[in-house]
Structures are given as structure tokens and as C-alpha cells.
């Protein structure tokens, strides 16, 4: 299992606490230290919708004034590729090809 995010994100902290409380093994990948590229973003998009993966509520979205650009799906993908902090966090890869985005304790209970 791989968990992607940034350490100071509240949702990431909750997800890691959940996994730790369940004694689950995982590898944490920090977007700030190890950015993911387009290949990984497109891989995730095979499992989750662009609007699930694209974080339009975060600080980076507001800083870049992306709301004003009225981005279509392709432009959102371009932005995710070059600015990982626009990816909703955490992104968890598990069972080789499954992906879950964000923290939802009920969903985590079902999955893990």
C-alpha cells in the first residue's frame, strides 16, 4: 500500500492515524519531496474521476487563481501533472490497481 500526500495536511494525518491504528503497512510518499508525474496522475484517473482527484478547494488552487480559468478536464490534468499540490489528498494505492482519494473513515472501514 502506498499513501501519497503531504505531512501537514489534516486529511493525510487522519488517514495515517487510521492506518496506524489498524497496524497496516504502508509506504508514505510526500508530494513535496517526491513529486509524481503525468504517468502516475493518468494511472489514477483510470480508477477515479478527475473531479475526485482535482482539489478545487485548496490553498494552491486559490493562489493560482484557477477558478477564473474555468478549466476543462484536459487542462485540469495538465495542472495536476505540473502542480501536485492540486491533487486531493491523500491518494492511497492498494491491491495493485485500486485507488482511494481523500479521507472518509466509513469508506476506509469498508475497504481496509
Protein backbone atom coordinates (compact mmCIF):
# COMPACT_ATOMS: atom_id res chain seq x y z
CA UNK A 1 0.00 0.00 0.00
CA UNK A 2 1.22 3.48 -0.88
CA UNK A 3 -0.09 6.70 0.63
CA UNK A 4 0.58 9.92 -1.29
CA UNK A 5 0.20 13.35 0.27
CA UNK A 6 1.95 15.96 2.37
CA UNK A 7 2.70 15.56 6.07
CA UNK A 8 1.00 18.73 7.29
CA UNK A 9 -2.34 18.00 5.55
CA UNK A 10 -5.18 17.30 8.00
CA UNK A 11 -6.76 14.60 5.82
CA UNK A 12 -3.41 12.86 5.39
CA UNK A 13 -2.83 12.92 9.15
CA UNK A 14 -6.26 11.34 9.75
CA UNK A 15 -5.62 8.66 7.11
CA UNK A 16 -2.20 7.79 8.52
CA UNK A 17 -3.62 7.62 12.04
CA UNK A 18 -6.37 5.29 10.80
CA UNK A 19 -3.85 3.01 9.07
CA UNK A 20 -1.50 3.07 12.07
CA UNK A 21 -4.37 2.25 14.46
CA UNK A 22 -5.16 -0.79 12.25
CA UNK A 23 -1.45 -1.78 12.23
CA UNK A 24 -1.41 -1.64 8.43
CA UNK A 25 1.84 -1.50 6.49
CA UNK A 26 2.19 1.35 4.00
CA UNK A 27 4.77 3.48 2.28
CA UNK A 28 4.30 7.25 2.56
CA UNK A 29 5.23 9.35 -0.48
CA UNK A 30 5.45 13.09 0.18
CA UNK A 31 4.47 15.18 -2.87
CA UNK A 32 6.89 17.90 -1.78
CA UNK A 33 9.89 15.53 -1.70
CA UNK A 34 8.88 13.10 -4.47
CA UNK A 35 6.50 14.73 -6.95
CA UNK A 36 4.51 12.40 -9.17
CA UNK A 37 4.37 12.94 -12.90
CA UNK A 38 1.73 12.73 -15.59
CA UNK A 39 2.08 8.97 -15.89
CA UNK A 40 1.01 8.43 -12.27
CA UNK A 41 -1.79 11.01 -12.49
CA UNK A 42 -3.19 9.31 -15.62
CA UNK A 43 -2.88 5.91 -13.92
CA UNK A 44 -5.01 7.19 -11.01
CA UNK A 45 -7.55 8.64 -13.44
CA UNK A 46 -8.28 5.13 -14.69
CA UNK A 47 -9.71 4.42 -11.21
CA UNK A 48 -11.08 7.79 -10.07
CA UNK A 49 -12.86 10.70 -11.71
CA UNK A 50 -10.94 13.91 -12.48
CA UNK A 51 -13.26 15.85 -10.16
CA UNK A 52 -12.41 13.47 -7.32
CA UNK A 53 -8.66 13.83 -7.87
CA UNK A 54 -8.55 17.57 -8.61
CA UNK A 55 -8.64 19.65 -5.43
CA UNK A 56 -10.52 22.85 -6.21
CA UNK A 57 -10.87 23.80 -2.54
CA UNK A 58 -7.22 24.05 -1.52
CA UNK A 59 -4.84 26.92 -0.97
CA UNK A 60 -2.82 26.18 -4.12
CA UNK A 61 -6.00 26.33 -6.27
CA UNK A 62 -6.81 29.75 -4.85
CA UNK A 63 -3.21 31.01 -5.10
CA UNK A 64 -3.06 30.09 -8.78
CA UNK A 65 -6.50 31.68 -9.40
CA UNK A 66 -7.57 28.59 -11.34
CA UNK A 67 -11.28 29.18 -10.77
CA UNK A 68 -11.09 32.14 -13.14
CA UNK A 69 -9.70 29.89 -15.91
CA UNK A 70 -12.79 27.62 -15.95
CA UNK A 71 -10.63 24.55 -16.65
CA UNK A 72 -11.89 21.66 -18.76
CA UNK A 73 -10.85 18.08 -17.99
CA UNK A 74 -7.69 18.17 -20.14
CA UNK A 75 -6.50 21.43 -18.58
CA UNK A 76 -7.13 20.01 -15.09
CA UNK A 77 -4.97 17.01 -15.96
CA UNK A 78 -2.21 19.34 -17.21
CA UNK A 79 -2.31 21.26 -13.93
CA UNK A 80 -2.26 18.08 -11.83
CA UNK A 81 0.82 16.93 -13.73
CA UNK A 82 2.79 20.10 -13.08
CA UNK A 83 1.44 21.03 -9.63
CA UNK A 84 1.00 18.05 -7.30
CA UNK A 85 -0.46 20.20 -4.53
CA UNK A 86 -3.64 20.40 -6.64
CA UNK A 87 -4.15 16.66 -6.07
CA UNK A 88 -6.78 15.92 -3.43
CA UNK A 89 -5.12 14.15 -0.52
CA UNK A 90 -4.39 11.53 0.47
CA UNK A 91 -4.24 9.23 -2.55
CA UNK A 92 -3.95 5.61 -1.45
CA UNK A 93 -2.97 2.82 -3.83
CA UNK A 94 -3.77 -0.72 -2.68
CA UNK A 95 -4.33 -4.25 -4.03
CA UNK A 96 -2.10 -3.45 -7.04
CA UNK A 97 -4.67 -1.46 -9.04
CA UNK A 98 -7.13 0.15 -6.64
CA UNK A 99 -7.11 3.82 -5.64
CA UNK A 100 -8.99 5.78 -2.99
CA UNK A 101 -8.78 9.58 -2.72
CA UNK A 102 -9.41 11.74 0.35
CA UNK A 103 -10.20 10.67 3.89
CA UNK A 104 -13.56 9.09 4.65
CA UNK A 105 -13.50 6.94 7.78
CA UNK A 106 -16.60 4.94 6.82
CA UNK A 107 -15.20 4.18 3.38
CA UNK A 108 -11.84 3.23 4.93
CA UNK A 109 -13.61 0.84 7.35
CA UNK A 110 -15.24 -0.91 4.37
CA UNK A 111 -12.05 -1.08 2.29
CA UNK A 112 -9.39 -1.75 4.90
